[in-house]
């Protein structure tokens, strides 16, 4: 078959990146843009495609092979439901919805109708994460007992000046940044059963949190800790360690995850392994076998687009389903609730 015709709704920062990737793809071509902003008209003109004010208007006028929804979070469910009704596969940017309740509505509709909906947790398409998951699933680390994670970085003052809502509740790293990390943790360690969190706004003094310490209990029995801060002059975040986004300075000697099992541990994304090969060597007095797992470097967003094309063609099932997106939202909301209440929050 020829190139798939993919439309993009919402051409802000991430939407424009999707447009670039579609135009560079060998399997897809840009079909149309939906965005009411004046700047979108110029982008559509440059790309030589039609422009619509909304994805609903686009779907009423034309029928692309697929559509990417990179619109504001509060519009995701309404617009994804329109795609389901039209029978058009959709890639919905994360978070899949603005609340877990809204995500449940979309999940029910998608599963009831057998809709082809892919949620845009693009790190799932990272070769680094794929190798980490393979190592963990192979049993090389033994039974997973603990994971340490971090997303510590410094957002410049201009980030808050250009969007003052980011100084208010809902604009902090829990709801903006943490959902990426929850998806990574679930991919590597399984479902989260309970969380406990402490939040602070001491660094910036805004009404919203700037630093969060999180405890996690996984359904498989492993425990985890996670440090999150957008006010820490630190390089231990996925963006600054993975070397997958050229927009960020990178530090290849740093890790943002440490997964430890009964037989060994894996540091991600350096992929440094420390393992015991014989049962009699399981002792803190004994040296580890030390190695580094090989991994390629590739743009997860480009790989996500090719996966979406395979989903549209019927060659693959969505790697990240609406139910995955719902699970990530539920954990994130539980962490926010624990930070507010001081309670341990258990997830069903």
C-alpha atoms as a PDB file:
ATOM      1  CA  UNK A   1       0.000   0.000   0.000  1.00  0.00           C
ATOM      2  CA  UNK A   2       1.063   3.606  -0.453  1.00  0.00           C
ATOM      3  CA  UNK A   3       1.917   6.123   2.211  1.00  0.00           C
ATOM      4  CA  UNK A   4      -0.590   6.486   5.017  1.00  0.00           C
ATOM      5  CA  UNK A   5      -2.316   9.858   5.243  1.00  0.00           C
ATOM      6  CA  UNK A   6      -1.921  11.184   8.802  1.00  0.00           C
ATOM      7  CA  UNK A   7      -3.573  14.363  10.096  1.00  0.00           C
ATOM      8  CA  UNK A   8      -2.331  16.317  13.120  1.00  0.00           C
ATOM      9  CA  UNK A   9      -4.672  18.152  15.488  1.00  0.00           C
ATOM     10  CA  UNK A  10      -2.912  20.751  17.622  1.00  0.00           C
ATOM     11  CA  UNK A  11       0.368  22.141  16.320  1.00  0.00           C
ATOM     12  CA  UNK A  12       1.981  23.493  19.438  1.00  0.00           C
ATOM     13  CA  UNK A  13       5.456  22.337  20.424  1.00  0.00           C
ATOM     14  CA  UNK A  14       4.819  18.578  20.309  1.00  0.00           C
ATOM     15  CA  UNK A  15       2.339  18.830  17.432  1.00  0.00           C
ATOM     16  CA  UNK A  16       4.913  20.566  15.245  1.00  0.00           C
ATOM     17  CA  UNK A  17       7.367  17.792  16.049  1.00  0.00           C
ATOM     18  CA  UNK A  18       4.809  15.244  14.874  1.00  0.00           C
ATOM     19  CA  UNK A  19       4.372  17.214  11.652  1.00  0.00           C
ATOM     20  CA  UNK A  20       8.147  17.187  11.084  1.00  0.00           C
ATOM     21  CA  UNK A  21       8.359  13.434  11.654  1.00  0.00           C
ATOM     22  CA  UNK A  22       5.428  12.667   9.343  1.00  0.00           C
ATOM     23  CA  UNK A  23       6.958  14.758   6.566  1.00  0.00           C
ATOM     24  CA  UNK A  24      10.285  12.948   7.014  1.00  0.00           C
ATOM     25  CA  UNK A  25       8.708   9.495   7.144  1.00  0.00           C
ATOM     26  CA  UNK A  26       8.935   6.958   4.375  1.00  0.00           C
ATOM     27  CA  UNK A  27       5.616   5.349   5.296  1.00  0.00           C
ATOM     28  CA  UNK A  28       3.395   8.361   6.110  1.00  0.00           C
ATOM     29  CA  UNK A  29       2.459  11.714   4.628  1.00  0.00           C
ATOM     30  CA  UNK A  30       0.783  14.729   6.185  1.00  0.00           C
ATOM     31  CA  UNK A  31      -2.905  14.813   5.248  1.00  0.00           C
ATOM     32  CA  UNK A  32      -4.195  17.911   7.068  1.00  0.00           C
ATOM     33  CA  UNK A  33      -3.858  20.091  10.165  1.00  0.00           C
ATOM     34  CA  UNK A  34      -6.560  21.009  12.686  1.00  0.00           C
ATOM     35  CA  UNK A  35      -5.860  24.009  14.894  1.00  0.00           C
ATOM     36  CA  UNK A  36      -7.700  27.339  15.267  1.00  0.00           C
ATOM     37  CA  UNK A  37      -4.520  29.354  15.976  1.00  0.00           C
ATOM     38  CA  UNK A  38      -3.389  31.801  13.235  1.00  0.00           C
ATOM     39  CA  UNK A  39       0.135  30.324  13.277  1.00  0.00           C
ATOM     40  CA  UNK A  40      -1.308  26.964  12.252  1.00  0.00           C
ATOM     41  CA  UNK A  41      -2.534  28.443   8.980  1.00  0.00           C
ATOM     42  CA  UNK A  42       0.988  29.395   7.998  1.00  0.00           C
ATOM     43  CA  UNK A  43       2.293  25.944   8.906  1.00  0.00           C
ATOM     44  CA  UNK A  44      -0.440  24.332   6.783  1.00  0.00           C
ATOM     45  CA  UNK A  45       0.366  26.660   3.908  1.00  0.00           C
ATOM     46  CA  UNK A  46       4.054  25.753   4.070  1.00  0.00           C
ATOM     47  CA  UNK A  47       3.198  22.045   4.178  1.00  0.00           C
ATOM     48  CA  UNK A  48       0.664  22.360   1.350  1.00  0.00           C
ATOM     49  CA  UNK A  49      -2.219  20.783   3.284  1.00  0.00           C
ATOM     50  CA  UNK A  50      -5.732  21.824   4.267  1.00  0.00           C
ATOM     51  CA  UNK A  51      -6.362  23.511   7.625  1.00  0.00           C
ATOM     52  CA  UNK A  52      -9.404  23.000   9.844  1.00  0.00           C
ATOM     53  CA  UNK A  53     -10.464  24.667  13.084  1.00  0.00           C
ATOM     54  CA  UNK A  54     -10.988  21.374  14.936  1.00  0.00           C
ATOM     55  CA  UNK A  55     -10.479  17.630  14.507  1.00  0.00           C
ATOM     56  CA  UNK A  56     -14.273  17.239  14.400  1.00  0.00           C
ATOM     57  CA  UNK A  57     -14.383  19.653  11.443  1.00  0.00           C
ATOM     58  CA  UNK A  58     -11.530  17.803   9.795  1.00  0.00           C
ATOM     59  CA  UNK A  59     -13.296  14.444  10.180  1.00  0.00           C
ATOM     60  CA  UNK A  60     -16.506  15.903   8.750  1.00  0.00           C
ATOM     61  CA  UNK A  61     -14.663  17.049   5.614  1.00  0.00           C
ATOM     62  CA  UNK A  62     -12.141  14.281   4.978  1.00  0.00           C
ATOM     63  CA  UNK A  63     -11.158  10.827   6.142  1.00  0.00           C
ATOM     64  CA  UNK A  64      -7.425  10.421   6.890  1.00  0.00           C
ATOM     65  CA  UNK A  65      -5.939   7.004   7.601  1.00  0.00           C
ATOM     66  CA  UNK A  66      -5.084   8.209  11.100  1.00  0.00           C
ATOM     67  CA  UNK A  67      -4.958  11.301  13.255  1.00  0.00           C
ATOM     68  CA  UNK A  68      -2.602  12.504  15.987  1.00  0.00           C
ATOM     69  CA  UNK A  69      -4.303  14.428  18.794  1.00  0.00           C
ATOM     70  CA  UNK A  70      -1.757  16.849  20.264  1.00  0.00           C
ATOM     71  CA  UNK A  71      -4.443  19.180  21.587  1.00  0.00           C
ATOM     72  CA  UNK A  72      -4.952  20.430  25.186  1.00  0.00           C
ATOM     73  CA  UNK A  73      -5.469  17.610  27.690  1.00  0.00           C
ATOM     74  CA  UNK A  74      -9.058  18.560  28.492  1.00  0.00           C
ATOM     75  CA  UNK A  75     -10.038  17.982  24.834  1.00  0.00           C
ATOM     76  CA  UNK A  76      -8.466  14.528  24.428  1.00  0.00           C
ATOM     77  CA  UNK A  77     -11.450  12.378  25.403  1.00  0.00           C
ATOM     78  CA  UNK A  78     -14.048  14.350  23.444  1.00  0.00           C
ATOM     79  CA  UNK A  79     -11.870  14.352  20.328  1.00  0.00           C
ATOM     80  CA  UNK A  80     -10.806  10.715  20.651  1.00  0.00           C
ATOM     81  CA  UNK A  81     -14.470   9.715  20.942  1.00  0.00           C
ATOM     82  CA  UNK A  82     -15.107  11.595  17.679  1.00  0.00           C
ATOM     83  CA  UNK A  83     -12.315   9.582  16.046  1.00  0.00           C
ATOM     84  CA  UNK A  84     -13.832   6.331  17.339  1.00  0.00           C
ATOM     85  CA  UNK A  85     -17.247   7.321  15.965  1.00  0.00           C
ATOM     86  CA  UNK A  86     -15.647   8.090  12.581  1.00  0.00           C
ATOM     87  CA  UNK A  87     -13.669   4.829  12.561  1.00  0.00           C
ATOM     88  CA  UNK A  88     -10.340   6.665  12.321  1.00  0.00           C
ATOM     89  CA  UNK A  89      -7.354   5.346  14.328  1.00  0.00           C
ATOM     90  CA  UNK A  90      -5.862   7.924  16.689  1.00  0.00           C
ATOM     91  CA  UNK A  91      -2.613   8.588  18.503  1.00  0.00           C
ATOM     92  CA  UNK A  92      -3.610  10.540  21.629  1.00  0.00           C
ATOM     93  CA  UNK A  93      -0.830  12.497  23.293  1.00  0.00           C
ATOM     94  CA  UNK A  94      -0.217  11.862  26.978  1.00  0.00           C
ATOM     95  CA  UNK A  95      -1.900  12.243  29.328  1.00  0.00           C
ATOM     96  CA  UNK A  96      -4.735  10.393  27.650  1.00  0.00           C
ATOM     97  CA  UNK A  97      -7.217  12.577  29.563  1.00  0.00           C
ATOM     98  CA  UNK A  98      -7.263  15.396  32.097  1.00  0.00           C
ATOM     99  CA  UNK A  99      -8.684  13.129  34.818  1.00  0.00           C
ATOM    100  CA  UNK A 100      -8.817   9.395  35.491  1.00  0.00           C
ATOM    101  CA  UNK A 101     -12.626   9.493  35.397  1.00  0.00           C
ATOM    102  CA  UNK A 102     -12.542  10.937  31.882  1.00  0.00           C
ATOM    103  CA  UNK A 103      -9.940   8.360  30.856  1.00  0.00           C
ATOM    104  CA  UNK A 104     -12.255   5.563  32.068  1.00  0.00           C
ATOM    105  CA  UNK A 105     -14.970   6.848  29.743  1.00  0.00           C
ATOM    106  CA  UNK A 106     -12.588   6.706  26.778  1.00  0.00           C
ATOM    107  CA  UNK A 107     -11.217   3.331  27.843  1.00  0.00           C
ATOM    108  CA  UNK A 108     -14.713   1.839  27.942  1.00  0.00           C
ATOM    109  CA  UNK A 109     -15.589   3.240  24.523  1.00  0.00           C
ATOM    110  CA  UNK A 110     -12.300   2.129  22.933  1.00  0.00           C
ATOM    111  CA  UNK A 111     -12.506  -1.407  24.287  1.00  0.00           C
ATOM    112  CA  UNK A 112     -16.224  -1.764  23.544  1.00  0.00           C
ATOM    113  CA  UNK A 113     -15.697  -0.699  19.931  1.00  0.00           C
ATOM    114  CA  UNK A 114     -12.337  -2.378  19.335  1.00  0.00           C
ATOM    115  CA  UNK A 115     -10.920   1.033  18.389  1.00  0.00           C
ATOM    116  CA  UNK A 116      -7.299   1.451  17.351  1.00  0.00           C
ATOM    117  CA  UNK A 117      -6.120   4.057  19.869  1.00  0.00           C
ATOM    118  CA  UNK A 118      -2.442   4.495  20.725  1.00  0.00           C
ATOM    119  CA  UNK A 119      -1.497   6.702  23.690  1.00  0.00           C
ATOM    120  CA  UNK A 120       1.567   8.896  23.204  1.00  0.00           C
ATOM    121  CA  UNK A 121       3.815   7.754  26.037  1.00  0.00           C
ATOM    122  CA  UNK A 122       6.685   7.903  23.571  1.00  0.00           C
ATOM    123  CA  UNK A 123       9.382   6.579  25.919  1.00  0.00           C
ATOM    124  CA  UNK A 124       7.814   3.126  25.576  1.00  0.00           C
ATOM    125  CA  UNK A 125       9.304   3.166  22.084  1.00  0.00           C
ATOM    126  CA  UNK A 126      12.804   3.921  23.393  1.00  0.00           C
ATOM    127  CA  UNK A 127      15.383   1.227  22.570  1.00  0.00           C
ATOM    128  CA  UNK A 128      16.869   1.862  26.023  1.00  0.00           C
ATOM    129  CA  UNK A 129      13.633   1.023  27.788  1.00  0.00           C
ATOM    130  CA  UNK A 130      13.100  -1.982  25.514  1.00  0.00           C
ATOM    131  CA  UNK A 131      16.480  -3.480  26.471  1.00  0.00           C
ATOM    132  CA  UNK A 132      15.891  -2.734  30.165  1.00  0.00           C
ATOM    133  CA  UNK A 133      12.553  -4.546  30.017  1.00  0.00           C
ATOM    134  CA  UNK A 134      14.133  -7.519  28.212  1.00  0.00           C
ATOM    135  CA  UNK A 135      16.856  -7.838  30.857  1.00  0.00           C
ATOM    136  CA  UNK A 136      14.346  -7.668  33.704  1.00  0.00           C
ATOM    137  CA  UNK A 137      11.929 -10.116  32.035  1.00  0.00           C
ATOM    138  CA  UNK A 138      14.741 -12.579  31.302  1.00  0.00           C
ATOM    139  CA  UNK A 139      15.289 -13.111  35.034  1.00  0.00           C
ATOM    140  CA  UNK A 140      18.901 -12.023  34.865  1.00  0.00           C
ATOM    141  CA  UNK A 141      18.379  -9.748  37.877  1.00  0.00           C
ATOM    142  CA  UNK A 142      16.443 -12.402  39.768  1.00  0.00           C
ATOM    143  CA  UNK A 143      13.303 -11.349  41.604  1.00  0.00           C
ATOM    144  CA  UNK A 144      12.978  -7.544  41.548  1.00  0.00           C
ATOM    145  CA  UNK A 145      13.072  -6.187  45.095  1.00  0.00           C
ATOM    146  CA  UNK A 146      13.710  -2.462  44.735  1.00  0.00           C
ATOM    147  CA  UNK A 147      13.900   0.444  42.283  1.00  0.00           C
ATOM    148  CA  UNK A 148      15.300   3.934  42.757  1.00  0.00           C
ATOM    149  CA  UNK A 149      14.328   6.646  40.309  1.00  0.00           C
ATOM    150  CA  UNK A 150      14.732  10.363  39.807  1.00  0.00           C
ATOM    151  CA  UNK A 151      13.594  13.194  37.591  1.00  0.00           C
ATOM    152  CA  UNK A 152      15.573  16.139  38.914  1.00  0.00           C
ATOM    153  CA  UNK A 153      16.153  19.146  36.684  1.00  0.00           C
ATOM    154  CA  UNK A 154      15.918  22.946  36.780  1.00  0.00           C
ATOM    155  CA  UNK A 155      13.217  24.782  34.872  1.00  0.00           C
ATOM    156  CA  UNK A 156      14.295  28.370  34.091  1.00  0.00           C
ATOM    157  CA  UNK A 157      12.354  31.363  35.375  1.00  0.00           C
ATOM    158  CA  UNK A 158      11.080  32.106  31.872  1.00  0.00           C
ATOM    159  CA  UNK A 159       9.182  28.808  31.893  1.00  0.00           C
ATOM    160  CA  UNK A 160       6.913  30.232  34.596  1.00  0.00           C
ATOM    161  CA  UNK A 161       6.840  33.796  33.261  1.00  0.00           C
ATOM    162  CA  UNK A 162       5.494  32.729  29.845  1.00  0.00           C
ATOM    163  CA  UNK A 163       2.690  30.676  31.446  1.00  0.00           C
ATOM    164  CA  UNK A 164       1.810  31.999  34.931  1.00  0.00           C
ATOM    165  CA  UNK A 165      -0.656  29.109  35.484  1.00  0.00           C
ATOM    166  CA  UNK A 166       2.402  26.920  36.061  1.00  0.00           C
ATOM    167  CA  UNK A 167       2.841  28.662  39.422  1.00  0.00           C
ATOM    168  CA  UNK A 168      -0.580  27.413  40.546  1.00  0.00           C
ATOM    169  CA  UNK A 169      -1.821  23.976  41.668  1.00  0.00           C
ATOM    170  CA  UNK A 170      -1.861  21.657  38.672  1.00  0.00           C
ATOM    171  CA  UNK A 171       1.115  23.396  37.066  1.00  0.00           C
ATOM    172  CA  UNK A 172       3.823  21.568  38.994  1.00  0.00           C
ATOM    173  CA  UNK A 173       5.967  18.535  38.174  1.00  0.00           C
ATOM    174  CA  UNK A 174       3.501  15.972  39.579  1.00  0.00           C
ATOM    175  CA  UNK A 175       0.881  16.548  36.897  1.00  0.00           C
ATOM    176  CA  UNK A 176       3.193  17.805  34.127  1.00  0.00           C
ATOM    177  CA  UNK A 177       6.293  15.609  34.334  1.00  0.00           C
ATOM    178  CA  UNK A 178       5.692  12.628  36.598  1.00  0.00           C
ATOM    179  CA  UNK A 179       3.337  10.752  34.281  1.00  0.00           C
ATOM    180  CA  UNK A 180       6.310   9.930  31.994  1.00  0.00           C
ATOM    181  CA  UNK A 181       8.122   8.360  34.939  1.00  0.00           C
ATOM    182  CA  UNK A 182       5.105   6.357  36.088  1.00  0.00           C
ATOM    183  CA  UNK A 183       4.849   4.792  32.633  1.00  0.00           C
ATOM    184  CA  UNK A 184       8.560   3.888  32.730  1.00  0.00           C
ATOM    185  CA  UNK A 185       8.252   2.388  36.216  1.00  0.00           C
ATOM    186  CA  UNK A 186       5.179   0.357  35.269  1.00  0.00           C
ATOM    187  CA  UNK A 187       6.915  -0.873  32.112  1.00  0.00           C
ATOM    188  CA  UNK A 188       9.932  -2.105  34.073  1.00  0.00           C
ATOM    189  CA  UNK A 189       8.492  -3.154  37.449  1.00  0.00           C
ATOM    190  CA  UNK A 190       4.798  -3.834  36.959  1.00  0.00           C
ATOM    191  CA  UNK A 191       1.677  -2.301  38.432  1.00  0.00           C
ATOM    192  CA  UNK A 192       1.827   0.128  41.358  1.00  0.00           C
ATOM    193  CA  UNK A 193      -0.236  -1.004  44.357  1.00  0.00           C
ATOM    194  CA  UNK A 194       0.258   1.877  46.811  1.00  0.00           C
ATOM    195  CA  UNK A 195       1.996   5.252  47.069  1.00  0.00           C
ATOM    196  CA  UNK A 196       3.070   7.723  49.723  1.00  0.00           C
ATOM    197  CA  UNK A 197       4.368  11.191  48.906  1.00  0.00           C
ATOM    198  CA  UNK A 198       5.726  14.350  50.497  1.00  0.00           C
ATOM    199  CA  UNK A 199       5.714  17.609  48.533  1.00  0.00           C
ATOM    200  CA  UNK A 200       7.467  20.927  49.113  1.00  0.00           C
ATOM    201  CA  UNK A 201       7.327  24.376  47.540  1.00  0.00           C
ATOM    202  CA  UNK A 202      10.259  25.722  49.560  1.00  0.00           C
ATOM    203  CA  UNK A 203      12.598  26.287  46.592  1.00  0.00           C
ATOM    204  CA  UNK A 204      10.395  28.670  44.589  1.00  0.00           C
ATOM    205  CA  UNK A 205       7.653  29.557  47.057  1.00  0.00           C
ATOM    206  CA  UNK A 206       4.879  29.152  44.485  1.00  0.00           C
ATOM    207  CA  UNK A 207       1.425  27.812  45.339  1.00  0.00           C
ATOM    208  CA  UNK A 208       2.370  24.605  43.533  1.00  0.00           C
ATOM    209  CA  UNK A 209       4.942  21.986  44.509  1.00  0.00           C
ATOM    210  CA  UNK A 210       8.494  22.121  43.161  1.00  0.00           C
ATOM    211  CA  UNK A 211       9.938  19.001  44.848  1.00  0.00           C
ATOM    212  CA  UNK A 212       8.369  15.645  45.716  1.00  0.00           C
ATOM    213  CA  UNK A 213       9.625  12.508  47.480  1.00  0.00           C
ATOM    214  CA  UNK A 214       7.637   9.380  46.643  1.00  0.00           C
ATOM    215  CA  UNK A 215       7.477   5.852  48.058  1.00  0.00           C
ATOM    216  CA  UNK A 216       5.939   3.108  45.922  1.00  0.00           C
ATOM    217  CA  UNK A 217       4.815  -0.470  46.529  1.00  0.00           C
ATOM    218  CA  UNK A 218       4.462  -2.625  43.429  1.00  0.00           C
ATOM    219  CA  UNK A 219       1.947  -5.428  43.033  1.00  0.00           C
ATOM    220  CA  UNK A 220       4.788  -7.949  42.672  1.00  0.00           C
ATOM    221  CA  UNK A 221       6.181  -7.022  46.081  1.00  0.00           C
ATOM    222  CA  UNK A 222       9.023  -4.716  45.053  1.00  0.00           C
ATOM    223  CA  UNK A 223       9.421  -1.345  46.749  1.00  0.00           C
ATOM    224  CA  UNK A 224      10.535   1.895  45.153  1.00  0.00           C
ATOM    225  CA  UNK A 225      11.566   5.456  45.860  1.00  0.00           C
ATOM    226  CA  UNK A 226      11.428   8.394  43.479  1.00  0.00           C
ATOM    227  CA  UNK A 227      12.699  11.983  43.724  1.00  0.00           C
ATOM    228  CA  UNK A 228      11.030  14.578  41.526  1.00  0.00           C
ATOM    229  CA  UNK A 229      12.042  18.238  41.310  1.00  0.00           C
ATOM    230  CA  UNK A 230      11.904  21.031  38.751  1.00  0.00           C
ATOM    231  CA  UNK A 231      14.107  23.212  40.981  1.00  0.00           C
ATOM    232  CA  UNK A 232      17.133  20.947  41.402  1.00  0.00           C
ATOM    233  CA  UNK A 233      20.376  21.790  39.580  1.00  0.00           C
ATOM    234  CA  UNK A 234      20.902  18.121  38.803  1.00  0.00           C
ATOM    235  CA  UNK A 235      21.330  15.964  35.690  1.00  0.00           C
ATOM    236  CA  UNK A 236      19.497  12.858  36.887  1.00  0.00           C
ATOM    237  CA  UNK A 237      16.503  12.943  34.591  1.00  0.00           C
ATOM    238  CA  UNK A 238      15.603  10.889  31.518  1.00  0.00           C
ATOM    239  CA  UNK A 239      16.057  13.832  29.160  1.00  0.00           C
ATOM    240  CA  UNK A 240      19.532  14.613  30.469  1.00  0.00           C
ATOM    241  CA  UNK A 241      20.778  11.020  30.538  1.00  0.00           C
ATOM    242  CA  UNK A 242      19.148   9.135  27.640  1.00  0.00           C
ATOM    243  CA  UNK A 243      20.653  11.214  24.791  1.00  0.00           C
ATOM    244  CA  UNK A 244      17.358  10.832  22.898  1.00  0.00           C
ATOM    245  CA  UNK A 245      16.438  14.529  22.661  1.00  0.00           C
ATOM    246  CA  UNK A 246      19.063  16.853  21.237  1.00  0.00           C
ATOM    247  CA  UNK A 247      17.344  19.860  22.840  1.00  0.00           C
ATOM    248  CA  UNK A 248      18.840  18.913  26.206  1.00  0.00           C
ATOM    249  CA  UNK A 249      22.429  18.885  27.409  1.00  0.00           C
ATOM    250  CA  UNK A 250      23.295  15.263  28.205  1.00  0.00           C
ATOM    251  CA  UNK A 251      25.499  13.526  30.742  1.00  0.00           C
ATOM    252  CA  UNK A 252      26.236   9.950  29.666  1.00  0.00           C
ATOM    253  CA  UNK A 253      27.810   9.051  33.023  1.00  0.00           C
ATOM    254  CA  UNK A 254      24.551   9.682  34.931  1.00  0.00           C
ATOM    255  CA  UNK A 255      21.592   7.354  35.533  1.00  0.00           C
ATOM    256  CA  UNK A 256      18.000   8.078  36.467  1.00  0.00           C
ATOM    257  CA  UNK A 257      16.928   4.538  37.412  1.00  0.00           C
ATOM    258  CA  UNK A 258      18.493   1.722  39.405  1.00  0.00           C
ATOM    259  CA  UNK A 259      16.586  -1.571  39.339  1.00  0.00           C
ATOM    260  CA  UNK A 260      17.783  -4.182  41.839  1.00  0.00           C
ATOM    261  CA  UNK A 261      16.889  -7.852  42.115  1.00  0.00           C
ATOM    262  CA  UNK A 262      18.075 -10.862  44.082  1.00  0.00           C
ATOM    263  CA  UNK A 263      20.723 -11.733  41.443  1.00  0.00           C
ATOM    264  CA  UNK A 264      21.868  -8.336  40.211  1.00  0.00           C
ATOM    265  CA  UNK A 265      21.100  -4.735  39.356  1.00  0.00           C
ATOM    266  CA  UNK A 266      20.696  -2.602  36.243  1.00  0.00           C
ATOM    267  CA  UNK A 267      21.416   1.128  35.951  1.00  0.00           C
ATOM    268  CA  UNK A 268      19.355   2.939  33.310  1.00  0.00           C
ATOM    269  CA  UNK A 269      20.180   4.455  30.848  1.00  0.00           C
ATOM    270  CA  UNK A 270      23.923   3.677  31.044  1.00  0.00           C
ATOM    271  CA  UNK A 271      22.831   0.002  31.064  1.00  0.00           C
ATOM    272  CA  UNK A 272      25.552  -0.958  33.538  1.00  0.00           C
ATOM    273  CA  UNK A 273      24.917  -4.434  34.930  1.00  0.00           C
ATOM    274  CA  UNK A 274      26.226  -5.886  38.166  1.00  0.00           C
ATOM    275  CA  UNK A 275      25.283  -9.539  38.610  1.00  0.00           C
ATOM    276  CA  UNK A 276      26.156 -12.705  40.524  1.00  0.00           C
ATOM    277  CA  UNK A 277      26.540 -15.730  38.278  1.00  0.00           C
ATOM    278  CA  UNK A 278      26.686 -18.443  40.951  1.00  0.00           C
ATOM    279  CA  UNK A 279      24.451 -18.932  43.948  1.00  0.00           C
ATOM    280  CA  UNK A 280      27.451 -19.263  46.267  1.00  0.00           C
ATOM    281  CA  UNK A 281      28.605 -15.778  45.204  1.00  0.00           C
ATOM    282  CA  UNK A 282      25.470 -14.075  46.584  1.00  0.00           C
ATOM    283  CA  UNK A 283      27.203 -12.071  49.274  1.00  0.00           C
ATOM    284  CA  UNK A 284      28.175  -8.466  49.816  1.00  0.00           C
ATOM    285  CA  UNK A 285      31.687  -9.784  50.402  1.00  0.00           C
ATOM    286  CA  UNK A 286      31.869 -11.151  46.831  1.00  0.00           C
ATOM    287  CA  UNK A 287      32.582  -9.101  43.671  1.00  0.00           C
ATOM    288  CA  UNK A 288      29.969  -8.691  40.956  1.00  0.00           C
ATOM    289  CA  UNK A 289      30.377  -9.607  37.324  1.00  0.00           C
ATOM    290  CA  UNK A 290      30.270  -6.165  35.706  1.00  0.00           C
ATOM    291  CA  UNK A 291      29.122  -5.520  32.130  1.00  0.00           C
ATOM    292  CA  UNK A 292      27.272  -3.026  29.973  1.00  0.00           C
ATOM    293  CA  UNK A 293      24.265  -4.091  27.900  1.00  0.00           C
ATOM    294  CA  UNK A 294      24.415  -2.924  24.296  1.00  0.00           C
ATOM    295  CA  UNK A 295      21.684  -0.581  23.117  1.00  0.00           C
ATOM    296  CA  UNK A 296      21.108   1.454  19.973  1.00  0.00           C
ATOM    297  CA  UNK A 297      20.205   5.129  20.072  1.00  0.00           C
ATOM    298  CA  UNK A 298      17.060   6.156  18.229  1.00  0.00           C
ATOM    299  CA  UNK A 299      14.373   8.817  18.461  1.00  0.00           C
ATOM    300  CA  UNK A 300      11.399   7.291  20.341  1.00  0.00           C
ATOM    301  CA  UNK A 301       8.981   9.757  18.700  1.00  0.00           C
ATOM    302  CA  UNK A 302      10.025   8.567  15.226  1.00  0.00           C
ATOM    303  CA  UNK A 303       9.689   4.949  16.309  1.00  0.00           C
ATOM    304  CA  UNK A 304       6.268   5.725  17.805  1.00  0.00           C
ATOM    305  CA  UNK A 305       5.089   7.105  14.461  1.00  0.00           C
ATOM    306  CA  UNK A 306       6.166   3.927  12.650  1.00  0.00           C
ATOM    307  CA  UNK A 307       4.392   1.850  15.304  1.00  0.00           C
ATOM    308  CA  UNK A 308       1.250   3.943  14.825  1.00  0.00           C
ATOM    309  CA  UNK A 309       1.470   3.227  11.096  1.00  0.00           C
ATOM    310  CA  UNK A 310       1.650  -0.501  11.872  1.00  0.00           C
ATOM    311  CA  UNK A 311      -1.400  -0.174  14.154  1.00  0.00           C
ATOM    312  CA  UNK A 312      -3.324   1.591  11.363  1.00  0.00           C
ATOM    313  CA  UNK A 313      -2.403  -1.135   8.864  1.00  0.00           C
ATOM    314  CA  UNK A 314      -3.469  -3.825  11.340  1.00  0.00           C
ATOM    315  CA  UNK A 315       0.056  -5.223  11.626  1.00  0.00           C
ATOM    316  CA  UNK A 316       0.375  -4.457  15.358  1.00  0.00           C
ATOM    317  CA  UNK A 317      -1.668  -3.854  18.487  1.00  0.00           C
ATOM    318  CA  UNK A 318      -1.088  -0.548  20.326  1.00  0.00           C
ATOM    319  CA  UNK A 319       1.970  -0.810  22.550  1.00  0.00           C
ATOM    320  CA  UNK A 320       0.427   1.739  24.934  1.00  0.00           C
ATOM    321  CA  UNK A 321      -3.322   1.296  25.223  1.00  0.00           C
ATOM    322  CA  UNK A 322      -5.952   3.609  26.661  1.00  0.00           C
ATOM    323  CA  UNK A 323      -5.999   1.297  29.690  1.00  0.00           C
ATOM    324  CA  UNK A 324      -2.247   1.956  30.117  1.00  0.00           C
ATOM    325  CA  UNK A 325      -2.895   5.674  29.921  1.00  0.00           C
ATOM    326  CA  UNK A 326      -5.641   5.308  32.527  1.00  0.00           C
ATOM    327  CA  UNK A 327      -3.326   3.353  34.846  1.00  0.00           C
ATOM    328  CA  UNK A 328      -0.658   6.060  34.593  1.00  0.00           C
ATOM    329  CA  UNK A 329      -3.208   8.762  35.403  1.00  0.00           C
ATOM    330  CA  UNK A 330      -4.544   6.828  38.397  1.00  0.00           C
ATOM    331  CA  UNK A 331      -1.056   6.479  39.912  1.00  0.00           C
ATOM    332  CA  UNK A 332      -0.257  10.145  39.272  1.00  0.00           C
ATOM    333  CA  UNK A 333      -3.528  11.252  40.870  1.00  0.00           C
ATOM    334  CA  UNK A 334      -2.851   8.958  43.846  1.00  0.00           C
ATOM    335  CA  UNK A 335       0.560  10.577  44.362  1.00  0.00           C
ATOM    336  CA  UNK A 336      -0.989  14.054  44.236  1.00  0.00           C
ATOM    337  CA  UNK A 337      -3.635  12.948  46.748  1.00  0.00           C
ATOM    338  CA  UNK A 338      -1.026  11.454  49.093  1.00  0.00           C
ATOM    339  CA  UNK A 339       1.023  14.658  48.948  1.00  0.00           C
ATOM    340  CA  UNK A 340      -2.097  16.661  49.886  1.00  0.00           C
ATOM    341  CA  UNK A 341      -3.363  14.373  52.625  1.00  0.00           C
ATOM    342  CA  UNK A 342      -0.213  12.812  54.032  1.00  0.00           C
ATOM    343  CA  UNK A 343      -1.862   9.380  53.754  1.00  0.00           C
ATOM    344  CA  UNK A 344      -0.732   6.202  52.035  1.00  0.00           C
ATOM    345  CA  UNK A 345      -3.020   5.824  49.004  1.00  0.00           C
ATOM    346  CA  UNK A 346      -3.783   2.286  47.846  1.00  0.00           C
ATOM    347  CA  UNK A 347      -4.716   1.547  44.241  1.00  0.00           C
ATOM    348  CA  UNK A 348      -7.072  -1.266  43.313  1.00  0.00           C
END
